[in-house]
Amino acid sequence: MFVDFKEIPEDAKVWVYPSSRKFYPNEIEAIEEKVKTFVENWKSDDENFKASYQFLYNRFIILTADDVATELSNSDIDASVSLIIGLQETYEVALLDRMNVCFKQGEHVQYKDLKDFKKLLKNKALTGKTIIFDNLITTKQDFENFWEIPIEESWYNRFIK
């Protein structure tokens, strides 16, 4: 059942899907509709199941599901991945590539492969204070507290020389 993101418990499962590009304004409404429809129908046979999503910075799709009250099966997770694969194909973006890094430069969110990210750090184009998105977080609590943090406070700090 779709619920407001605020109603999802702190220990709920979270998946962050960063897009390789910012979505265009004419794409956003359709993407949100597809994601919301999926969440509304995800495990619809289980009245205890609660799930939600957020669409942030016109670039990130955040899915969350309360997997404590109702356990997620592999097929439930596969269904969510199928949604994301479908969005990748429709909008010609990468959403599942975990070897890329997202960070803020001013008001903009940048998306770089890890090799280019390391070069930016080496060349001092980024500092430890640069805000990075840790897209590998797994719970709502981590999402709320550790998704947007300075590089020096993240696991990416190992790349700072």
Protein backbone atom coordinates (compact mmCIF):
# COMPACT_ATOMS: atom_id res chain seq x y z
CA MET A 1 0.00 0.00 0.00
CA PHE A 2 1.28 3.45 -0.91
CA VAL A 3 1.79 5.72 2.09
CA ASP A 4 3.44 9.08 2.61
CA PHE A 5 7.22 8.79 2.89
CA LYS A 6 7.02 10.19 6.45
CA GLU A 7 4.88 7.22 7.52
CA ILE A 8 7.55 4.67 6.64
CA PRO A 9 9.52 3.48 9.71
CA GLU A 10 13.19 4.35 10.15
CA ASP A 11 14.35 0.76 9.72
CA ALA A 12 12.57 0.31 6.38
CA LYS A 13 14.52 -0.75 3.31
CA VAL A 14 15.59 2.00 0.89
CA TRP A 15 16.89 1.82 -2.66
CA VAL A 16 18.41 4.88 -4.34
CA TYR A 17 18.51 5.02 -8.13
CA PRO A 18 20.57 7.94 -9.48
CA SER A 19 19.96 8.93 -13.07
CA SER A 20 22.90 9.51 -15.39
CA ARG A 21 21.25 12.78 -16.37
CA LYS A 22 18.72 15.20 -14.98
CA PHE A 23 15.23 14.34 -16.14
CA TYR A 24 13.58 16.92 -18.37
CA PRO A 25 10.52 18.74 -17.03
CA ASN A 26 8.28 17.04 -19.60
CA GLU A 27 9.45 13.59 -18.37
CA ILE A 28 9.02 14.10 -14.62
CA GLU A 29 5.24 13.81 -14.39
CA ALA A 30 5.17 10.56 -16.38
CA ILE A 31 8.03 9.05 -14.37
CA GLU A 32 6.39 9.95 -11.08
CA GLU A 33 3.11 8.47 -12.28
CA LYS A 34 4.81 5.19 -13.26
CA VAL A 35 6.66 4.95 -9.96
CA LYS A 36 3.57 5.81 -7.89
CA THR A 37 1.45 3.28 -9.79
CA PHE A 38 4.09 0.62 -9.18
CA VAL A 39 4.28 1.40 -5.46
CA GLU A 40 0.48 1.43 -5.14
CA ASN A 41 0.29 -2.03 -6.68
CA TRP A 42 3.47 -3.51 -5.19
CA LYS A 43 2.35 -6.43 -3.01
CA SER A 44 -1.23 -5.14 -3.19
CA ASP A 45 -2.48 -8.49 -1.84
CA ASP A 46 -0.83 -7.72 1.55
CA GLU A 47 -2.73 -5.05 3.48
CA ASN A 48 0.14 -4.70 6.01
CA PHE A 49 2.70 -3.80 3.34
CA LYS A 50 3.67 -0.13 3.24
CA ALA A 51 5.84 1.45 0.58
CA SER A 52 6.60 4.91 -0.72
CA TYR A 53 8.91 6.81 -3.01
CA GLN A 54 10.52 10.18 -3.49
CA PHE A 55 11.74 11.83 -6.66
CA LEU A 56 14.53 14.24 -5.74
CA TYR A 57 16.64 16.79 -7.60
CA ASN A 58 14.96 15.68 -10.85
CA ARG A 59 17.54 12.92 -10.81
CA PHE A 60 17.03 10.41 -7.97
CA ILE A 61 14.29 7.83 -7.61
CA ILE A 62 14.07 6.67 -4.01
CA LEU A 63 11.97 3.58 -3.24
CA THR A 64 11.27 2.53 0.33
CA ALA A 65 9.40 -0.42 1.75
CA ASP A 66 8.61 -1.48 5.29
CA ASP A 67 10.16 -4.93 5.13
CA VAL A 68 9.83 -5.50 8.88
CA ALA A 69 6.03 -5.78 8.97
CA THR A 70 5.98 -7.64 5.66
CA GLU A 71 9.03 -9.47 4.37
CA LEU A 72 10.07 -8.78 0.80
CA SER A 73 10.67 -11.81 -1.38
CA ASN A 74 13.16 -12.00 -4.21
CA SER A 75 10.28 -11.67 -6.67
CA ASP A 76 9.11 -8.48 -4.91
CA ILE A 77 12.58 -6.99 -5.29
CA ASP A 78 12.79 -8.25 -8.88
CA ALA A 79 9.53 -6.42 -9.61
CA SER A 80 11.03 -3.13 -8.41
CA VAL A 81 14.18 -3.69 -10.46
CA SER A 82 12.00 -4.40 -13.51
CA LEU A 83 10.35 -1.02 -13.01
CA ILE A 84 13.76 0.66 -12.94
CA ILE A 85 14.98 -1.24 -16.00
CA GLY A 86 11.84 -0.14 -17.85
CA LEU A 87 12.49 3.50 -16.90
CA GLN A 88 16.10 3.18 -18.08
CA GLU A 89 14.96 1.93 -21.47
CA THR A 90 12.12 4.44 -21.88
CA TYR A 91 14.16 7.50 -20.90
CA GLU A 92 17.57 6.32 -22.15
CA VAL A 93 19.34 6.82 -18.82
CA ALA A 94 21.43 4.68 -16.49
CA LEU A 95 19.77 4.10 -13.11
CA LEU A 96 21.46 0.90 -11.93
CA ASP A 97 25.14 1.73 -12.41
CA ARG A 98 26.73 1.66 -8.94
CA MET A 99 30.17 2.66 -10.20
CA ASN A 100 29.17 6.28 -10.61
CA VAL A 101 29.27 9.09 -8.08
CA CYS A 102 26.79 11.92 -7.53
CA PHE A 103 27.77 15.13 -5.80
CA LYS A 104 26.72 18.74 -5.57
CA GLN A 105 28.50 21.55 -7.36
CA GLY A 106 26.71 24.68 -6.27
CA GLU A 107 23.02 24.10 -6.92
CA HIS A 108 23.65 21.37 -9.48
CA VAL A 109 23.99 17.63 -9.02
CA GLN A 110 26.85 16.11 -10.98
CA TYR A 111 27.07 12.47 -12.05
CA LYS A 112 30.56 11.15 -12.82
CA ASP A 113 32.15 7.77 -13.16
CA LEU A 114 34.47 6.86 -10.30
CA LYS A 115 37.61 7.43 -12.38
CA ASP A 116 36.58 11.02 -13.24
CA PHE A 117 35.53 11.63 -9.64
CA LYS A 118 38.99 10.61 -8.40
CA LYS A 119 40.59 12.97 -10.95
CA LEU A 120 38.41 15.86 -9.73
CA LEU A 121 39.57 15.20 -6.16
CA LYS A 122 43.20 14.87 -7.20
CA ASN A 123 43.02 18.15 -9.15
CA LYS A 124 41.34 19.86 -6.14
CA ALA A 125 38.19 20.61 -8.18
CA LEU A 126 36.36 18.98 -5.25
CA THR A 127 37.18 19.16 -1.56
CA GLY A 128 36.31 17.16 1.53
CA LYS A 129 33.52 19.65 2.15
CA THR A 130 31.82 18.88 -1.19
CA ILE A 131 28.42 17.26 -0.59
CA ILE A 132 28.21 13.74 -1.93
CA PHE A 133 25.25 11.40 -2.26
CA ASP A 134 25.83 7.97 -0.75
CA ASN A 135 23.55 5.93 -3.00
CA LEU A 136 24.57 2.69 -1.29
CA ILE A 137 22.61 3.40 1.91
CA THR A 138 20.03 0.73 2.73
CA THR A 139 17.63 2.06 5.39
CA LYS A 140 15.38 5.07 5.70
CA GLN A 141 17.30 6.21 8.77
CA ASP A 142 20.57 6.15 6.81
CA PHE A 143 18.86 7.92 3.93
CA GLU A 144 17.68 10.72 6.21
CA ASN A 145 21.01 11.09 8.03
CA PHE A 146 23.79 9.99 5.71
CA TRP A 147 22.64 10.27 2.11
CA GLU A 148 23.80 13.88 1.58
CA ILE A 149 27.03 14.40 3.49
CA PRO A 150 30.46 15.97 2.98
CA ILE A 151 32.93 13.71 1.20
CA GLU A 152 35.20 13.79 4.26
CA GLU A 153 32.41 12.20 6.37
CA SER A 154 31.58 9.51 3.81
CA TRP A 155 33.21 6.29 2.75
CA TYR A 156 34.44 8.22 -0.31
CA ASN A 157 36.93 10.02 1.98
CA ARG A 158 39.48 7.31 1.15
CA PHE A 159 39.93 9.05 -2.23
CA ILE A 160 40.95 12.39 -0.66
CA LYS A 161 44.71 12.84 -0.83
